[in-house]
Protein backbone atom coordinates (compact mmCIF):
# COMPACT_ATOMS: atom_id res chain seq x y z
CA UNK A 1 -36.22 89.85 55.48
CA UNK A 2 -36.99 92.80 57.76
CA UNK A 3 -39.92 93.45 60.07
CA UNK A 4 -41.92 95.25 57.37
CA UNK A 5 -41.32 92.41 54.95
CA UNK A 6 -42.35 89.91 57.60
CA UNK A 7 -45.46 91.95 58.47
CA UNK A 8 -46.37 92.00 54.78
CA UNK A 9 -46.01 88.22 54.70
CA UNK A 10 -48.41 87.92 57.63
CA UNK A 11 -50.92 90.21 55.93
CA UNK A 12 -50.70 88.20 52.72
CA UNK A 13 -50.92 84.97 54.67
CA UNK A 14 -54.27 85.89 56.19
CA UNK A 15 -55.46 87.59 53.01
CA UNK A 16 -55.34 84.41 50.95
CA UNK A 17 -57.09 82.36 53.65
CA UNK A 18 -60.69 83.60 53.85
CA UNK A 19 -61.78 80.63 55.98
CA UNK A 20 -60.37 79.19 59.19
CA UNK A 21 -58.87 75.70 58.93
CA UNK A 22 -56.43 73.51 60.78
CA UNK A 23 -53.94 74.06 57.96
CA UNK A 24 -54.10 77.82 58.65
CA UNK A 25 -52.99 77.33 62.26
CA UNK A 26 -50.25 74.88 61.32
CA UNK A 27 -48.87 77.18 58.63
CA UNK A 28 -49.13 80.19 60.95
CA UNK A 29 -46.97 78.44 63.56
CA UNK A 30 -44.29 77.79 60.94
CA UNK A 31 -44.44 81.40 59.82
CA UNK A 32 -44.04 82.73 63.36
CA UNK A 33 -40.98 80.53 63.82
CA UNK A 34 -39.49 82.21 60.73
CA UNK A 35 -40.21 85.57 62.39
CA UNK A 36 -37.86 84.78 65.31
CA UNK A 37 -40.61 83.66 67.69
CA UNK A 38 -38.93 80.40 68.55
CA UNK A 39 -40.67 77.06 68.09
CA UNK A 40 -42.04 76.69 71.62
CA UNK A 41 -43.42 80.23 71.69
CA UNK A 42 -44.90 79.95 68.21
CA UNK A 43 -46.77 76.72 68.91
CA UNK A 44 -47.96 77.94 72.31
CA UNK A 45 -49.24 81.14 70.70
CA UNK A 46 -51.05 79.27 67.95
CA UNK A 47 -52.60 76.76 70.38
CA UNK A 48 -54.02 79.62 72.43
CA UNK A 49 -55.20 81.39 69.27
CA UNK A 50 -56.92 78.24 68.03
CA UNK A 51 -58.89 78.01 71.30
CA UNK A 52 -59.82 81.70 71.19
CA UNK A 53 -61.12 81.39 67.64
CA UNK A 54 -63.16 78.34 68.58
CA UNK A 55 -64.61 80.01 71.68
CA UNK A 56 -65.41 83.28 69.90
CA UNK A 57 -66.61 81.51 66.73
CA UNK A 58 -64.12 83.33 64.48
CA UNK A 59 -64.37 81.87 60.99
CA UNK A 60 -62.43 84.18 58.66
CA UNK A 61 -58.75 84.96 58.19
CA UNK A 62 -59.08 88.66 59.04
CA UNK A 63 -60.81 87.78 62.29
CA UNK A 64 -57.97 85.40 63.17
CA UNK A 65 -55.43 88.14 62.47
CA UNK A 66 -57.22 90.57 64.79
CA UNK A 67 -57.48 87.92 67.48
CA UNK A 68 -53.76 87.25 67.09
CA UNK A 69 -52.97 90.96 67.52
CA UNK A 70 -54.99 91.14 70.74
CA UNK A 71 -53.38 87.96 72.03
CA UNK A 72 -49.87 89.24 71.28
CA UNK A 73 -50.62 92.52 73.05
CA UNK A 74 -51.67 90.55 76.14
CA UNK A 75 -48.43 88.54 75.93
CA UNK A 76 -46.41 91.76 75.94
CA UNK A 77 -48.38 93.14 78.87
CA UNK A 78 -47.68 90.02 80.91
CA UNK A 79 -44.15 91.28 81.58
CA UNK A 80 -45.64 94.14 83.54
CA UNK A 81 -45.64 97.71 82.32
CA UNK A 82 -43.47 98.35 79.29
CA UNK A 83 -42.01 101.46 77.73
CA UNK A 84 -41.64 104.52 79.92
CA UNK A 85 -44.28 103.16 82.31
CA UNK A 86 -41.75 100.48 83.31
CA UNK A 87 -39.47 103.18 84.69
CA UNK A 88 -41.76 103.63 87.67
CA UNK A 89 -40.35 106.45 89.73
CA UNK A 90 -37.26 106.84 87.56
CA UNK A 91 -38.04 110.46 86.80
CA UNK A 92 -38.63 111.32 90.45
CA UNK A 93 -36.40 111.49 93.50
CA UNK A 94 -32.98 112.97 94.15
CA UNK A 95 -30.82 110.41 92.33
CA UNK A 96 -31.21 107.50 89.92
CA UNK A 97 -28.63 105.13 88.39
CA UNK A 98 -29.02 103.25 85.10
CA UNK A 99 -26.46 100.59 84.22
CA UNK A 100 -26.37 99.57 80.55
CA UNK A 101 -25.19 96.02 79.84
CA UNK A 102 -24.61 94.01 76.68
CA UNK A 103 -22.03 92.48 74.37
CA UNK A 104 -19.79 94.34 71.95
CA UNK A 105 -21.38 95.97 68.95
CA UNK A 106 -24.97 96.29 70.15
CA UNK A 107 -24.82 100.08 70.47
CA UNK A 108 -24.59 100.60 74.25
CA UNK A 109 -22.53 103.79 74.07
CA UNK A 110 -24.83 105.44 71.55
CA UNK A 111 -27.84 104.28 73.54
CA UNK A 112 -26.39 105.87 76.68
CA UNK A 113 -26.18 109.18 74.82
CA UNK A 114 -29.74 108.82 73.49
CA UNK A 115 -31.04 108.18 77.00
CA UNK A 116 -29.14 111.17 78.36
CA UNK A 117 -30.62 113.39 75.67
CA UNK A 118 -34.12 112.04 76.27
CA UNK A 119 -34.06 112.44 80.03
CA UNK A 120 -32.59 115.89 79.79
CA UNK A 121 -35.64 116.83 77.68
CA UNK A 122 -37.74 115.49 80.58
CA UNK A 123 -36.00 117.91 82.97
CA UNK A 124 -33.46 115.51 84.43
CA UNK A 125 -29.78 116.40 84.80
CA UNK A 126 -27.95 113.32 83.49
CA UNK A 127 -24.30 112.42 83.98
CA UNK A 128 -22.69 109.90 81.63
CA UNK A 129 -20.28 107.46 83.29
CA UNK A 130 -17.70 105.84 80.99
CA UNK A 131 -17.56 102.55 82.92
CA UNK A 132 -16.45 100.65 79.81
CA UNK A 133 -12.79 101.01 80.68
CA UNK A 134 -11.87 97.96 78.62
CA UNK A 135 -12.15 99.74 75.27
CA UNK A 136 -10.48 103.13 74.84
CA UNK A 137 -12.73 103.93 71.87
CA UNK A 138 -15.79 103.63 74.09
CA UNK A 139 -14.42 106.26 76.47
CA UNK A 140 -13.58 108.62 73.62
CA UNK A 141 -16.94 108.02 71.95
CA UNK A 142 -18.86 108.83 75.11
CA UNK A 143 -16.81 112.00 75.60
CA UNK A 144 -17.69 113.10 72.07
CA UNK A 145 -21.39 112.48 72.74
CA UNK A 146 -21.09 114.45 75.97
CA UNK A 147 -19.53 117.41 74.14
CA UNK A 148 -22.20 117.38 71.44
CA UNK A 149 -25.02 117.22 73.96
CA UNK A 150 -23.47 119.49 76.56
CA UNK A 151 -23.71 116.72 79.16
CA UNK A 152 -21.04 115.93 81.73
CA UNK A 153 -19.02 112.74 81.23
CA UNK A 154 -17.10 111.10 84.09
CA UNK A 155 -14.24 109.00 82.73
CA UNK A 156 -10.96 107.39 83.79
CA UNK A 157 -8.14 106.02 81.69
CA UNK A 158 -8.43 102.81 79.72
CA UNK A 159 -7.94 99.77 81.94
CA UNK A 160 -9.25 101.50 85.05
CA UNK A 161 -11.74 100.15 87.56
CA UNK A 162 -15.36 100.50 86.28
CA UNK A 163 -16.65 100.69 89.86
CA UNK A 164 -14.33 103.64 90.52
CA UNK A 165 -15.84 105.46 87.53
CA UNK A 166 -19.34 104.92 88.92
CA UNK A 167 -18.12 106.09 92.34
CA UNK A 168 -16.81 109.34 90.87
CA UNK A 169 -20.07 109.82 88.92
CA UNK A 170 -21.99 109.46 92.18
CA UNK A 171 -19.66 111.99 93.79
CA UNK A 172 -20.32 114.42 90.94
CA UNK A 173 -24.07 113.95 91.22
CA UNK A 174 -24.11 114.37 94.98
CA UNK A 175 -22.07 117.54 94.64
CA UNK A 176 -24.97 119.03 92.72
CA UNK A 177 -23.85 118.08 89.23
CA UNK A 178 -26.80 115.88 88.33
CA UNK A 179 -29.63 113.58 89.40
CA UNK A 180 -29.40 110.70 86.91
CA UNK A 181 -26.31 108.60 86.19
CA UNK A 182 -26.22 106.57 82.99
CA UNK A 183 -23.28 104.16 83.04
CA UNK A 184 -21.90 102.53 79.89
CA UNK A 185 -20.25 99.19 80.74
CA UNK A 186 -17.78 96.96 78.94
CA UNK A 187 -19.19 94.91 76.09
CA UNK A 188 -16.67 92.12 75.90
CA UNK A 189 -18.06 88.62 76.24
CA UNK A 190 -17.79 88.02 79.97
CA UNK A 191 -17.67 84.68 81.61
CA UNK A 192 -20.60 84.60 83.96
CA UNK A 193 -18.40 84.65 87.06
CA UNK A 194 -16.39 87.66 85.83
CA UNK A 195 -19.58 89.51 84.93
CA UNK A 196 -21.14 88.84 88.29
CA UNK A 197 -18.04 89.91 90.22
CA UNK A 198 -17.66 93.13 88.22
CA UNK A 199 -21.28 94.06 88.73
CA UNK A 200 -21.27 93.09 92.39
CA UNK A 201 -18.47 95.58 92.90
CA UNK A 202 -20.48 98.30 91.15
CA UNK A 203 -23.51 97.27 93.24
CA UNK A 204 -21.52 97.70 96.42
CA UNK A 205 -20.35 101.13 95.33
CA UNK A 206 -23.88 102.29 94.53
CA UNK A 207 -25.36 100.83 97.71
CA UNK A 208 -22.67 102.26 99.98
CA UNK A 209 -22.37 105.62 98.28
CA UNK A 210 -26.06 106.19 97.60
CA UNK A 211 -28.14 103.79 99.69
CA UNK A 212 -31.77 103.66 98.65
CA UNK A 213 -31.04 104.97 95.17
CA UNK A 214 -33.26 103.67 92.36
CA UNK A 215 -30.79 101.39 90.58
CA UNK A 216 -31.70 99.85 87.23
CA UNK A 217 -29.95 97.33 84.97
CA UNK A 218 -31.03 97.43 81.34
CA UNK A 219 -29.68 95.05 78.71
CA UNK A 220 -29.02 96.50 75.27
CA UNK A 221 -29.68 94.01 72.45
CA UNK A 222 -29.17 94.21 68.70
CA UNK A 223 -32.63 93.39 67.26
CA UNK A 224 -31.14 92.22 63.97
CA UNK A 225 -29.51 89.22 65.63
CA UNK A 226 -32.86 87.52 66.22
CA UNK A 227 -32.72 84.43 68.40
CA UNK A 228 -29.11 85.18 69.34
CA UNK A 229 -30.41 88.25 71.20
CA UNK A 230 -32.59 85.97 73.32
CA UNK A 231 -29.59 83.77 74.12
CA UNK A 232 -27.64 86.83 75.30
CA UNK A 233 -30.58 87.96 77.43
CA UNK A 234 -30.79 84.54 79.08
CA UNK A 235 -27.12 84.65 80.09
CA UNK A 236 -27.21 88.20 81.45
CA UNK A 237 -30.57 87.80 83.19
CA UNK A 238 -29.46 84.66 85.00
CA UNK A 239 -26.22 86.35 86.03
CA UNK A 240 -27.41 89.76 87.19
CA UNK A 241 -31.24 89.86 87.23
CA UNK A 242 -32.14 92.45 84.62
CA UNK A 243 -34.88 95.07 84.89
CA UNK A 244 -35.59 95.37 81.19
CA UNK A 245 -34.32 95.45 77.62
CA UNK A 246 -33.53 98.13 75.04
CA UNK A 247 -33.58 96.96 71.41
CA UNK A 248 -31.25 98.74 69.01
CA UNK A 249 -30.90 98.62 65.21
CA UNK A 250 -34.59 97.98 64.93
CA UNK A 251 -34.65 98.68 61.24
CA UNK A 252 -35.37 96.86 58.00
CA UNK A 253 -33.32 93.80 58.94
CA UNK A 254 -35.11 92.93 62.20
CA UNK A 255 -38.01 90.47 62.01
CA UNK A 256 -39.35 91.39 65.44
CA UNK A 257 -40.57 88.10 66.90
CA UNK A 258 -37.79 87.98 69.49
CA UNK A 259 -39.66 90.66 71.45
CA UNK A 260 -42.36 88.13 72.29
CA UNK A 261 -39.77 85.55 73.32
CA UNK A 262 -38.15 88.02 75.72
CA UNK A 263 -41.51 88.42 77.43
CA UNK A 264 -42.75 84.82 77.25
CA UNK A 265 -39.49 83.08 78.08
CA UNK A 266 -37.76 85.57 80.40
CA UNK A 267 -40.57 87.87 81.59
CA UNK A 268 -38.44 90.88 80.66
CA UNK A 269 -40.14 94.14 79.71
CA UNK A 270 -38.95 95.97 76.62
CA UNK A 271 -38.33 99.59 77.60
CA UNK A 272 -37.17 101.31 74.41
CA UNK A 273 -36.67 100.61 70.72
CA UNK A 274 -33.93 102.43 68.78
CA UNK A 275 -34.27 102.67 65.01
CA UNK A 276 -31.58 105.08 63.88
CA UNK A 277 -28.33 106.82 64.78
CA UNK A 278 -29.72 110.23 65.75
CA UNK A 279 -30.16 111.08 69.41
CA UNK A 280 -33.93 111.26 69.04
CA UNK A 281 -34.14 107.84 67.36
CA UNK A 282 -35.28 106.17 70.58
CA UNK A 283 -38.93 105.43 71.31
CA UNK A 284 -40.70 104.09 74.40
CA UNK A 285 -41.99 100.61 73.71
CA UNK A 286 -45.76 100.50 73.15
CA UNK A 287 -47.21 96.96 73.49
CA UNK A 288 -50.44 97.79 71.67
CA UNK A 289 -48.77 99.53 68.74
CA UNK A 290 -46.12 96.83 68.50
CA UNK A 291 -48.51 93.86 68.55
CA UNK A 292 -50.96 95.34 66.06
CA UNK A 293 -48.16 96.63 63.84
CA UNK A 294 -46.50 93.22 63.88
CA UNK A 295 -49.52 91.64 62.18
CA UNK A 296 -50.08 94.58 59.85
CA UNK A 297 -52.92 96.29 61.72
CA UNK A 298 -50.91 99.29 62.91
């Protein structure tokens, strides 16, 4: 069941319930759990919705659906600005560094290329840093993307020091080669201690080489993995304090509720959603459009 199929289920759910009842709220909570909300988030959402409907004297299913959409939009906004607004001053200043994190197979390398293409269209001069030195294919893949896009790629040999790659990318940028570094990191399942130590070393390089630089850590998650994506986010966020999330593979097999869990449980803004393999298949996250689309009011 994909997000469109789940949205259709929500629409049908409200369509066959013309009047508000306690059974409606109970069944809605169960349905949200099926949509990757998580039990705690689903029941909290429905409890709040029940109170809103009582206060605003909403008595029909369509009214409940609209109230739910508004409530979900507010939930998404609670994480602070989302989408490109969450970048703050990312597009300004002499130098910015984006570190992409995540496990194997979520699409980090392709996402790095998509970001480079996007920011170039916004008049930035990106440099791709192949800091995933664990997997030779990742280095080669990033080089291919760089050739296709005409964007510089800084890379070392497989097995090299990721922090040294970032250092050389900073050197290239400071020599006039660019003003935005997008670093692809290793996707193997780290132990928390190994992850922290690797990133601390990169942190030290960035801070010593480019003190005061806007430095962002974004976690790339595969949207089709549902609640497992939330579990990954919990581990990475606790270890390195993330600045936001990019959801990839947001296609017909993603149910979409995990977005609300990322915000409610971890207070993490969703920055982008990727829904294809082309470089332009990356969209800034829009809380209003997402919330209303989720319940079939888009």
